[in-house]
Amino acid sequence: MCRNEEFSSVLNKQIDREVKELTVHCTNSRAGCAWRGELRALSTHRRICNYEVIQCDYYGIGCIQKGYRMVMQDHNKEKAEEHLALGMLKLRSMERFIYQTMMGSVVKNWSMQLGSLSEMSARSCDLVCPVIVKVSAFISKKRDDERWNSNSFYSHDKGYKMRLRVYPAGIEGGRGTHLSVFLFLLKGPHDDELTWPLRGEFEFKLLNQIRDREHYSGTMVYGDLTSNSNAERVDDGGRVYGHGFQLISNEDLLDDTRTCQYLKDDCIFLQVSKL
């Protein structure tokens, strides 16, 4: 071995030794992680660091939640039913796609639909509460005073069939100042087995798209004071009136902070649950 090669070998060993002895703080130290260790161990630590920001394990099927690893572990447990619903929805969607492809009728906008699983959840009539819907192009809908309708879903298994209607620019007393939400009853296959008029409570949540907390919620009651035109069984003529309220003011809707944002990327997510 020549002198230059010997010197290079010694130098490399010296560098390796110094790198191994170099200690660093976790890159998430500002978020609260107190870990300190060898530089070569940093990447291994980050794979288990509680303060590492990660996506939900079910991101691939439509859950958009992000957060610290320790928070996301609780999120995965708390949202198990919603993740299951998203998974079943994706499975049904893929089954339809395969069938249509084999029959020579490929859906042209499939990629757009596959990327909007949350919006599709309220557009599948066999889903039951709780359902999550996505209202896209929200700003233009609000500007043009458009209303947005979901497809049908059920209050519970073999329950009341209904549809969600959203008024981004508000309606009635909330026009121009609030986001208004309404439920419209539809003629359903189980109406003969149900009690009329409808009685019960529904919770609406405007989801915080930054973290799985601080959602904005409101409760709508079908009670003795509810107009029968909104709560009675629907005949073949359809339902003209809906039951709803002003969910959130424009000021609160647009007041995004570091930890809370309801309107993001020109869309909102609403969850409807029967209490």
C-alpha atoms as a PDB file:
ATOM      1  CA  MET A   1       0.000   0.000   0.000  1.00  0.00           C
ATOM      2  CA  CYS A   2       1.463   3.394  -0.998  1.00  0.00           C
ATOM      3  CA  ARG A   3       1.861   6.247   1.451  1.00  0.00           C
ATOM      4  CA  ASN A   4      -1.135   8.173   0.014  1.00  0.00           C
ATOM      5  CA  GLU A   5      -3.415   5.164   0.413  1.00  0.00           C
ATOM      6  CA  GLU A   6      -2.254   4.665   3.988  1.00  0.00           C
ATOM      7  CA  PHE A   7      -2.917   8.312   4.798  1.00  0.00           C
ATOM      8  CA  SER A   8      -6.396   8.126   3.187  1.00  0.00           C
ATOM      9  CA  SER A   9      -7.256   5.008   5.190  1.00  0.00           C
ATOM     10  CA  VAL A  10      -6.171   6.602   8.450  1.00  0.00           C
ATOM     11  CA  LEU A  11      -8.082   9.779   7.626  1.00  0.00           C
ATOM     12  CA  ASN A  12     -11.276   7.868   6.829  1.00  0.00           C
ATOM     13  CA  LYS A  13     -11.055   5.939  10.094  1.00  0.00           C
ATOM     14  CA  GLN A  14     -10.549   9.188  11.970  1.00  0.00           C
ATOM     15  CA  ILE A  15     -13.596  10.743  10.274  1.00  0.00           C
ATOM     16  CA  ASP A  16     -15.724   7.658  11.016  1.00  0.00           C
ATOM     17  CA  ARG A  17     -14.680   7.781  14.650  1.00  0.00           C
ATOM     18  CA  GLU A  18     -15.490  11.479  14.977  1.00  0.00           C
ATOM     19  CA  VAL A  19     -18.891  11.049  13.269  1.00  0.00           C
ATOM     20  CA  LYS A  20     -19.763   8.179  15.611  1.00  0.00           C
ATOM     21  CA  GLU A  21     -18.873  10.312  18.616  1.00  0.00           C
ATOM     22  CA  LEU A  22     -20.855  13.337  17.354  1.00  0.00           C
ATOM     23  CA  THR A  23     -24.067  13.887  19.306  1.00  0.00           C
ATOM     24  CA  VAL A  24     -27.072  15.921  18.136  1.00  0.00           C
ATOM     25  CA  HIS A  25     -30.529  16.933  19.351  1.00  0.00           C
ATOM     26  CA  CYS A  26     -33.647  15.515  17.736  1.00  0.00           C
ATOM     27  CA  THR A  27     -34.864  17.620  14.815  1.00  0.00           C
ATOM     28  CA  ASN A  28     -38.199  17.803  16.685  1.00  0.00           C
ATOM     29  CA  SER A  29     -36.650  19.370  19.781  1.00  0.00           C
ATOM     30  CA  ARG A  30     -38.567  22.626  19.251  1.00  0.00           C
ATOM     31  CA  ALA A  31     -41.812  20.661  19.409  1.00  0.00           C
ATOM     32  CA  GLY A  32     -40.800  19.173  22.771  1.00  0.00           C
ATOM     33  CA  CYS A  33     -38.625  16.110  22.104  1.00  0.00           C
ATOM     34  CA  ALA A  34     -35.759  15.860  24.604  1.00  0.00           C
ATOM     35  CA  TRP A  35     -33.810  13.110  22.782  1.00  0.00           C
ATOM     36  CA  ARG A  36     -30.071  13.592  22.287  1.00  0.00           C
ATOM     37  CA  GLY A  37     -27.771  10.982  20.843  1.00  0.00           C
ATOM     38  CA  GLU A  38     -25.353   9.973  18.129  1.00  0.00           C
ATOM     39  CA  LEU A  39     -25.892  11.436  14.694  1.00  0.00           C
ATOM     40  CA  ARG A  40     -26.043   7.983  13.129  1.00  0.00           C
ATOM     41  CA  ALA A  41     -28.932   7.070  15.462  1.00  0.00           C
ATOM     42  CA  LEU A  42     -31.049  10.110  14.577  1.00  0.00           C
ATOM     43  CA  SER A  43     -32.886   8.531  11.629  1.00  0.00           C
ATOM     44  CA  THR A  44     -33.735   5.463  13.732  1.00  0.00           C
ATOM     45  CA  HIS A  45     -35.036   7.664  16.544  1.00  0.00           C
ATOM     46  CA  ARG A  46     -37.246   9.707  14.209  1.00  0.00           C
ATOM     47  CA  ARG A  47     -39.069   6.529  13.170  1.00  0.00           C
ATOM     48  CA  ILE A  48     -40.402   6.247  16.744  1.00  0.00           C
ATOM     49  CA  CYS A  49     -40.267   9.902  17.909  1.00  0.00           C
ATOM     50  CA  ASN A  50     -43.569  10.952  19.492  1.00  0.00           C
ATOM     51  CA  TYR A  51     -43.071  14.500  18.169  1.00  0.00           C
ATOM     52  CA  GLU A  52     -42.577  13.512  14.530  1.00  0.00           C
ATOM     53  CA  VAL A  53     -45.430  14.843  12.351  1.00  0.00           C
ATOM     54  CA  ILE A  54     -46.949  11.950  10.406  1.00  0.00           C
ATOM     55  CA  GLN A  55     -50.023  11.306   8.291  1.00  0.00           C
ATOM     56  CA  CYS A  56     -52.858   9.060   9.366  1.00  0.00           C
ATOM     57  CA  ASP A  57     -52.208   5.379   8.669  1.00  0.00           C
ATOM     58  CA  TYR A  58     -55.365   5.479   6.523  1.00  0.00           C
ATOM     59  CA  TYR A  59     -54.295   8.429   4.365  1.00  0.00           C
ATOM     60  CA  GLY A  60     -54.393   6.205   1.289  1.00  0.00           C
ATOM     61  CA  ILE A  61     -58.153   5.657   1.620  1.00  0.00           C
ATOM     62  CA  GLY A  62     -59.140   9.253   2.282  1.00  0.00           C
ATOM     63  CA  CYS A  63     -58.296  10.334   5.857  1.00  0.00           C
ATOM     64  CA  ILE A  64     -56.482  13.689   5.641  1.00  0.00           C
ATOM     65  CA  GLN A  65     -55.466  13.990   9.293  1.00  0.00           C
ATOM     66  CA  LYS A  66     -51.844  14.833  10.216  1.00  0.00           C
ATOM     67  CA  GLY A  67     -50.258  15.313  13.612  1.00  0.00           C
ATOM     68  CA  TYR A  68     -47.652  14.247  16.135  1.00  0.00           C
ATOM     69  CA  ARG A  69     -47.102  10.467  16.294  1.00  0.00           C
ATOM     70  CA  MET A  70     -48.393  10.312  19.874  1.00  0.00           C
ATOM     71  CA  VAL A  71     -51.579  12.165  18.833  1.00  0.00           C
ATOM     72  CA  MET A  72     -52.121  10.064  15.721  1.00  0.00           C
ATOM     73  CA  GLN A  73     -52.039   6.857  17.770  1.00  0.00           C
ATOM     74  CA  ASP A  74     -55.107   8.089  19.664  1.00  0.00           C
ATOM     75  CA  HIS A  75     -56.645   9.314  16.403  1.00  0.00           C
ATOM     76  CA  ASN A  76     -56.402   5.841  14.840  1.00  0.00           C
ATOM     77  CA  LYS A  77     -58.188   4.309  17.840  1.00  0.00           C
ATOM     78  CA  GLU A  78     -60.899   6.975  18.114  1.00  0.00           C
ATOM     79  CA  LYS A  79     -61.701   7.019  14.387  1.00  0.00           C
ATOM     80  CA  ALA A  80     -61.714   3.262  13.789  1.00  0.00           C
ATOM     81  CA  GLU A  81     -65.343   3.231  12.594  1.00  0.00           C
ATOM     82  CA  GLU A  82     -64.811   6.136  10.196  1.00  0.00           C
ATOM     83  CA  HIS A  83     -61.669   4.509   8.791  1.00  0.00           C
ATOM     84  CA  LEU A  84     -63.608   1.287   8.294  1.00  0.00           C
ATOM     85  CA  ALA A  85     -66.317   3.200   6.418  1.00  0.00           C
ATOM     86  CA  LEU A  86     -63.703   4.815   4.164  1.00  0.00           C
ATOM     87  CA  GLY A  87     -62.121   1.410   3.517  1.00  0.00           C
ATOM     88  CA  MET A  88     -65.452  -0.170   2.607  1.00  0.00           C
ATOM     89  CA  LEU A  89     -66.213   2.771   0.345  1.00  0.00           C
ATOM     90  CA  LYS A  90     -62.927   2.392  -1.483  1.00  0.00           C
ATOM     91  CA  LEU A  91     -63.512  -1.348  -1.851  1.00  0.00           C
ATOM     92  CA  ARG A  92     -66.962  -0.782  -3.349  1.00  0.00           C
ATOM     93  CA  SER A  93     -65.548   1.880  -5.652  1.00  0.00           C
ATOM     94  CA  MET A  94     -62.812  -0.436  -6.885  1.00  0.00           C
ATOM     95  CA  GLU A  95     -65.349  -3.221  -7.452  1.00  0.00           C
ATOM     96  CA  ARG A  96     -67.473  -0.878  -9.583  1.00  0.00           C
ATOM     97  CA  PHE A  97     -64.398   0.222 -11.518  1.00  0.00           C
ATOM     98  CA  ILE A  98     -63.303  -3.353 -12.268  1.00  0.00           C
ATOM     99  CA  TYR A  99     -66.814  -4.315 -13.345  1.00  0.00           C
ATOM    100  CA  GLN A 100     -67.173  -1.305 -15.643  1.00  0.00           C
ATOM    101  CA  THR A 101     -63.722  -1.902 -17.140  1.00  0.00           C
ATOM    102  CA  MET A 102     -64.531  -5.534 -17.915  1.00  0.00           C
ATOM    103  CA  MET A 103     -67.791  -4.431 -19.522  1.00  0.00           C
ATOM    104  CA  GLY A 104     -65.958  -1.917 -21.689  1.00  0.00           C
ATOM    105  CA  SER A 105     -67.408   1.121 -19.908  1.00  0.00           C
ATOM    106  CA  VAL A 106     -64.546   2.826 -18.090  1.00  0.00           C
ATOM    107  CA  VAL A 107     -65.519   5.794 -15.996  1.00  0.00           C
ATOM    108  CA  LYS A 108     -63.604   8.741 -17.473  1.00  0.00           C
ATOM    109  CA  ASN A 109     -63.387  10.759 -14.277  1.00  0.00           C
ATOM    110  CA  TRP A 110     -62.421   7.787 -12.074  1.00  0.00           C
ATOM    111  CA  SER A 111     -59.162   9.327 -10.888  1.00  0.00           C
ATOM    112  CA  MET A 112     -61.014  12.399  -9.670  1.00  0.00           C
ATOM    113  CA  GLN A 113     -63.581  10.244  -7.864  1.00  0.00           C
ATOM    114  CA  LEU A 114     -60.926   8.048  -6.276  1.00  0.00           C
ATOM    115  CA  GLY A 115     -59.231  11.139  -4.877  1.00  0.00           C
ATOM    116  CA  SER A 116     -62.471  12.345  -3.287  1.00  0.00           C
ATOM    117  CA  LEU A 117     -63.486   9.412  -1.094  1.00  0.00           C
ATOM    118  CA  SER A 118     -64.717  11.660   1.696  1.00  0.00           C
ATOM    119  CA  GLU A 119     -67.008  13.529  -0.679  1.00  0.00           C
ATOM    120  CA  MET A 120     -68.301  10.238  -2.065  1.00  0.00           C
ATOM    121  CA  SER A 121     -69.200   9.007   1.422  1.00  0.00           C
ATOM    122  CA  ALA A 122     -72.362  11.101   1.384  1.00  0.00           C
ATOM    123  CA  ARG A 123     -73.083  10.182  -2.207  1.00  0.00           C
ATOM    124  CA  SER A 124     -73.643   6.519  -1.521  1.00  0.00           C
ATOM    125  CA  CYS A 125     -77.198   5.737  -0.509  1.00  0.00           C
ATOM    126  CA  ASP A 126     -76.251   2.666   1.515  1.00  0.00           C
ATOM    127  CA  LEU A 127     -74.216   4.602   4.100  1.00  0.00           C
ATOM    128  CA  VAL A 128     -75.516   5.363   7.567  1.00  0.00           C
ATOM    129  CA  CYS A 129     -74.614   8.026  10.114  1.00  0.00           C
ATOM    130  CA  PRO A 130     -72.049   9.098  10.982  1.00  0.00           C
ATOM    131  CA  VAL A 131     -71.121  10.231   7.472  1.00  0.00           C
ATOM    132  CA  ILE A 132     -68.421  12.669   6.378  1.00  0.00           C
ATOM    133  CA  VAL A 133     -68.897  14.827   3.292  1.00  0.00           C
ATOM    134  CA  LYS A 134     -66.538  17.129   1.437  1.00  0.00           C
ATOM    135  CA  VAL A 135     -67.808  20.348  -0.132  1.00  0.00           C
ATOM    136  CA  SER A 136     -65.310  21.466  -2.788  1.00  0.00           C
ATOM    137  CA  ALA A 137     -65.018  24.837  -4.584  1.00  0.00           C
ATOM    138  CA  PHE A 138     -66.504  26.369  -1.462  1.00  0.00           C
ATOM    139  CA  ILE A 139     -65.466  29.986  -2.150  1.00  0.00           C
ATOM    140  CA  SER A 140     -67.117  30.118  -5.590  1.00  0.00           C
ATOM    141  CA  LYS A 141     -70.262  28.436  -4.237  1.00  0.00           C
ATOM    142  CA  LYS A 142     -70.416  31.047  -1.508  1.00  0.00           C
ATOM    143  CA  ARG A 143     -69.820  33.896  -3.959  1.00  0.00           C
ATOM    144  CA  ASP A 144     -72.462  32.656  -6.398  1.00  0.00           C
ATOM    145  CA  ASP A 145     -74.942  31.826  -3.610  1.00  0.00           C
ATOM    146  CA  GLU A 146     -75.100  28.171  -4.700  1.00  0.00           C
ATOM    147  CA  ARG A 147     -76.495  25.367  -2.589  1.00  0.00           C
ATOM    148  CA  TRP A 148     -74.807  21.976  -2.369  1.00  0.00           C
ATOM    149  CA  ASN A 149     -76.666  18.655  -2.040  1.00  0.00           C
ATOM    150  CA  SER A 150     -75.278  15.305  -0.984  1.00  0.00           C
ATOM    151  CA  ASN A 151     -76.775  12.068  -2.195  1.00  0.00           C
ATOM    152  CA  SER A 152     -78.863  10.080   0.239  1.00  0.00           C
ATOM    153  CA  PHE A 153     -77.803   8.293   3.423  1.00  0.00           C
ATOM    154  CA  TYR A 154     -79.572   6.819   6.457  1.00  0.00           C
ATOM    155  CA  SER A 155     -79.926   8.034  10.024  1.00  0.00           C
ATOM    156  CA  HIS A 156     -79.130   4.491  11.214  1.00  0.00           C
ATOM    157  CA  ASP A 157     -79.346   0.918   9.939  1.00  0.00           C
ATOM    158  CA  LYS A 158     -82.794   0.529   8.312  1.00  0.00           C
ATOM    159  CA  GLY A 159     -83.486   4.086   9.404  1.00  0.00           C
ATOM    160  CA  TYR A 160     -84.735   7.356   7.976  1.00  0.00           C
ATOM    161  CA  LYS A 161     -83.478   8.179   4.490  1.00  0.00           C
ATOM    162  CA  MET A 162     -82.241  11.749   4.133  1.00  0.00           C
ATOM    163  CA  ARG A 163     -80.032  14.183   2.274  1.00  0.00           C
ATOM    164  CA  LEU A 164     -77.742  16.962   3.494  1.00  0.00           C
ATOM    165  CA  ARG A 165     -78.037  20.405   1.936  1.00  0.00           C
ATOM    166  CA  VAL A 166     -75.379  23.062   2.525  1.00  0.00           C
ATOM    167  CA  TYR A 167     -75.756  26.780   1.870  1.00  0.00           C
ATOM    168  CA  PRO A 168     -72.221  28.271   1.824  1.00  0.00           C
ATOM    169  CA  ALA A 169     -73.630  31.817   1.639  1.00  0.00           C
ATOM    170  CA  GLY A 170     -76.322  31.105   4.253  1.00  0.00           C
ATOM    171  CA  ILE A 171     -80.080  31.202   3.985  1.00  0.00           C
ATOM    172  CA  GLU A 172     -82.967  32.929   5.741  1.00  0.00           C
ATOM    173  CA  GLY A 173     -81.695  34.658   8.899  1.00  0.00           C
ATOM    174  CA  GLY A 174     -78.120  33.580   8.181  1.00  0.00           C
ATOM    175  CA  ARG A 175     -77.900  34.778   4.579  1.00  0.00           C
ATOM    176  CA  GLY A 176     -74.613  36.530   4.001  1.00  0.00           C
ATOM    177  CA  THR A 177     -73.397  35.970   7.563  1.00  0.00           C
ATOM    178  CA  HIS A 178     -73.401  32.212   8.258  1.00  0.00           C
ATOM    179  CA  LEU A 179     -72.884  28.745   6.827  1.00  0.00           C
ATOM    180  CA  SER A 180     -76.311  27.066   6.878  1.00  0.00           C
ATOM    181  CA  VAL A 181     -76.959  23.301   6.961  1.00  0.00           C
ATOM    182  CA  PHE A 182     -80.254  21.454   6.457  1.00  0.00           C
ATOM    183  CA  LEU A 183     -81.469  17.865   6.447  1.00  0.00           C
ATOM    184  CA  PHE A 184     -84.181  16.830   3.977  1.00  0.00           C
ATOM    185  CA  LEU A 185     -86.139  13.633   4.559  1.00  0.00           C
ATOM    186  CA  LEU A 186     -86.606  11.362   1.532  1.00  0.00           C
ATOM    187  CA  LYS A 187     -88.925   8.487   0.745  1.00  0.00           C
ATOM    188  CA  GLY A 188     -87.144   5.375   2.024  1.00  0.00           C
ATOM    189  CA  PRO A 189     -87.512   1.594   1.885  1.00  0.00           C
ATOM    190  CA  HIS A 190     -87.990   1.263   5.664  1.00  0.00           C
ATOM    191  CA  ASP A 191     -90.626   3.983   6.178  1.00  0.00           C
ATOM    192  CA  ASP A 192     -93.372   1.481   7.056  1.00  0.00           C
ATOM    193  CA  GLU A 193     -91.339   0.244  10.027  1.00  0.00           C
ATOM    194  CA  LEU A 194     -90.392   3.688  11.392  1.00  0.00           C
ATOM    195  CA  THR A 195     -92.146   6.046  13.798  1.00  0.00           C
ATOM    196  CA  TRP A 196     -93.480   9.322  12.423  1.00  0.00           C
ATOM    197  CA  PRO A 197     -92.924  12.215  12.747  1.00  0.00           C
ATOM    198  CA  LEU A 198     -89.164  11.869  13.123  1.00  0.00           C
ATOM    199  CA  ARG A 199     -87.865  12.646  16.616  1.00  0.00           C
ATOM    200  CA  GLY A 200     -84.250  12.825  17.706  1.00  0.00           C
ATOM    201  CA  GLU A 201     -81.047  14.864  17.599  1.00  0.00           C
ATOM    202  CA  PHE A 202     -78.363  15.175  14.942  1.00  0.00           C
ATOM    203  CA  GLU A 203     -74.891  16.564  15.529  1.00  0.00           C
ATOM    204  CA  PHE A 204     -73.098  18.507  12.809  1.00  0.00           C
ATOM    205  CA  LYS A 205     -69.320  18.889  12.987  1.00  0.00           C
ATOM    206  CA  LEU A 206     -67.323  21.237  10.801  1.00  0.00           C
ATOM    207  CA  LEU A 207     -64.003  19.390  10.881  1.00  0.00           C
ATOM    208  CA  ASN A 208     -60.725  21.054  11.748  1.00  0.00           C
ATOM    209  CA  GLN A 209     -58.396  20.077   8.893  1.00  0.00           C
ATOM    210  CA  ILE A 210     -55.198  20.756  10.852  1.00  0.00           C
ATOM    211  CA  ARG A 211     -55.660  18.338  13.738  1.00  0.00           C
ATOM    212  CA  ASP A 212     -58.205  15.923  15.140  1.00  0.00           C
ATOM    213  CA  ARG A 213     -59.641  18.285  17.729  1.00  0.00           C
ATOM    214  CA  GLU A 214     -61.259  21.714  18.009  1.00  0.00           C
ATOM    215  CA  HIS A 215     -64.003  20.724  15.546  1.00  0.00           C
ATOM    216  CA  TYR A 216     -66.890  23.199  15.381  1.00  0.00           C
ATOM    217  CA  SER A 217     -70.129  21.467  16.298  1.00  0.00           C
ATOM    218  CA  GLY A 218     -73.825  22.197  16.554  1.00  0.00           C
ATOM    219  CA  THR A 219     -76.904  20.118  17.364  1.00  0.00           C
ATOM    220  CA  MET A 220     -80.179  20.055  15.443  1.00  0.00           C
ATOM    221  CA  VAL A 221     -83.292  18.692  17.164  1.00  0.00           C
ATOM    222  CA  TYR A 222     -86.348  17.046  15.643  1.00  0.00           C
ATOM    223  CA  GLY A 223     -88.801  17.655  18.479  1.00  0.00           C
ATOM    224  CA  ASP A 224     -92.293  18.826  19.343  1.00  0.00           C
ATOM    225  CA  LEU A 225     -91.530  22.307  17.976  1.00  0.00           C
ATOM    226  CA  THR A 226     -90.350  20.993  14.616  1.00  0.00           C
ATOM    227  CA  SER A 227     -92.743  21.715  11.781  1.00  0.00           C
ATOM    228  CA  ASN A 228     -94.509  18.580  10.572  1.00  0.00           C
ATOM    229  CA  SER A 229     -93.681  19.595   7.026  1.00  0.00           C
ATOM    230  CA  ASN A 230     -90.013  18.908   7.911  1.00  0.00           C
ATOM    231  CA  ALA A 231     -90.436  15.747   9.992  1.00  0.00           C
ATOM    232  CA  GLU A 232     -93.351  13.790   8.537  1.00  0.00           C
ATOM    233  CA  ARG A 233     -93.133  10.807   6.237  1.00  0.00           C
ATOM    234  CA  VAL A 234     -92.441  11.702   2.623  1.00  0.00           C
ATOM    235  CA  ASP A 235     -94.952  10.746  -0.046  1.00  0.00           C
ATOM    236  CA  ASP A 236     -94.298  10.148  -3.723  1.00  0.00           C
ATOM    237  CA  GLY A 237     -94.375  13.876  -4.379  1.00  0.00           C
ATOM    238  CA  GLY A 238     -91.076  14.442  -2.572  1.00  0.00           C
ATOM    239  CA  ARG A 239     -90.053  16.818   0.185  1.00  0.00           C
ATOM    240  CA  VAL A 240     -89.970  20.575  -0.407  1.00  0.00           C
ATOM    241  CA  TYR A 241     -88.924  21.674   3.088  1.00  0.00           C
ATOM    242  CA  GLY A 242     -85.898  20.792   5.191  1.00  0.00           C
ATOM    243  CA  HIS A 243     -84.957  21.185   8.832  1.00  0.00           C
ATOM    244  CA  GLY A 244     -81.749  23.042   9.654  1.00  0.00           C
ATOM    245  CA  PHE A 245     -79.914  25.907  11.314  1.00  0.00           C
ATOM    246  CA  GLN A 246     -77.012  28.343  11.005  1.00  0.00           C
ATOM    247  CA  LEU A 247     -73.962  26.246  11.878  1.00  0.00           C
ATOM    248  CA  ILE A 248     -71.129  28.820  11.984  1.00  0.00           C
ATOM    249  CA  SER A 249     -70.608  32.505  11.259  1.00  0.00           C
ATOM    250  CA  ASN A 250     -68.385  33.612   8.391  1.00  0.00           C
ATOM    251  CA  GLU A 251     -66.062  35.268  10.893  1.00  0.00           C
ATOM    252  CA  ASP A 252     -65.474  32.021  12.804  1.00  0.00           C
ATOM    253  CA  LEU A 253     -65.312  29.955   9.610  1.00  0.00           C
ATOM    254  CA  LEU A 254     -62.468  32.055   8.172  1.00  0.00           C
ATOM    255  CA  ASP A 255     -60.621  32.635  11.474  1.00  0.00           C
ATOM    256  CA  ASP A 256     -57.852  30.085  10.917  1.00  0.00           C
ATOM    257  CA  THR A 257     -55.047  29.700  13.422  1.00  0.00           C
ATOM    258  CA  ARG A 258     -51.921  27.585  13.731  1.00  0.00           C
ATOM    259  CA  THR A 259     -53.948  24.726  15.213  1.00  0.00           C
ATOM    260  CA  CYS A 260     -57.380  25.206  13.678  1.00  0.00           C
ATOM    261  CA  GLN A 261     -58.555  25.613  10.095  1.00  0.00           C
ATOM    262  CA  TYR A 262     -62.038  24.713   8.846  1.00  0.00           C
ATOM    263  CA  LEU A 263     -61.706  26.030   5.282  1.00  0.00           C
ATOM    264  CA  LYS A 264     -58.581  24.660   3.611  1.00  0.00           C
ATOM    265  CA  ASP A 265     -57.668  24.265  -0.055  1.00  0.00           C
ATOM    266  CA  ASP A 266     -61.087  25.737  -0.953  1.00  0.00           C
ATOM    267  CA  CYS A 267     -63.035  22.919   0.707  1.00  0.00           C
ATOM    268  CA  ILE A 268     -64.737  22.009   3.981  1.00  0.00           C
ATOM    269  CA  PHE A 269     -65.537  18.668   5.608  1.00  0.00           C
ATOM    270  CA  LEU A 270     -68.814  18.115   7.475  1.00  0.00           C
ATOM    271  CA  GLN A 271     -69.708  15.152   9.657  1.00  0.00           C
ATOM    272  CA  VAL A 272     -73.343  14.277  10.383  1.00  0.00           C
ATOM    273  CA  SER A 273     -74.112  11.961  13.330  1.00  0.00           C
ATOM    274  CA  LYS A 274     -77.344  10.834  14.931  1.00  0.00           C
ATOM    275  CA  LEU A 275     -77.220  11.212  18.723  1.00  0.00           C
END
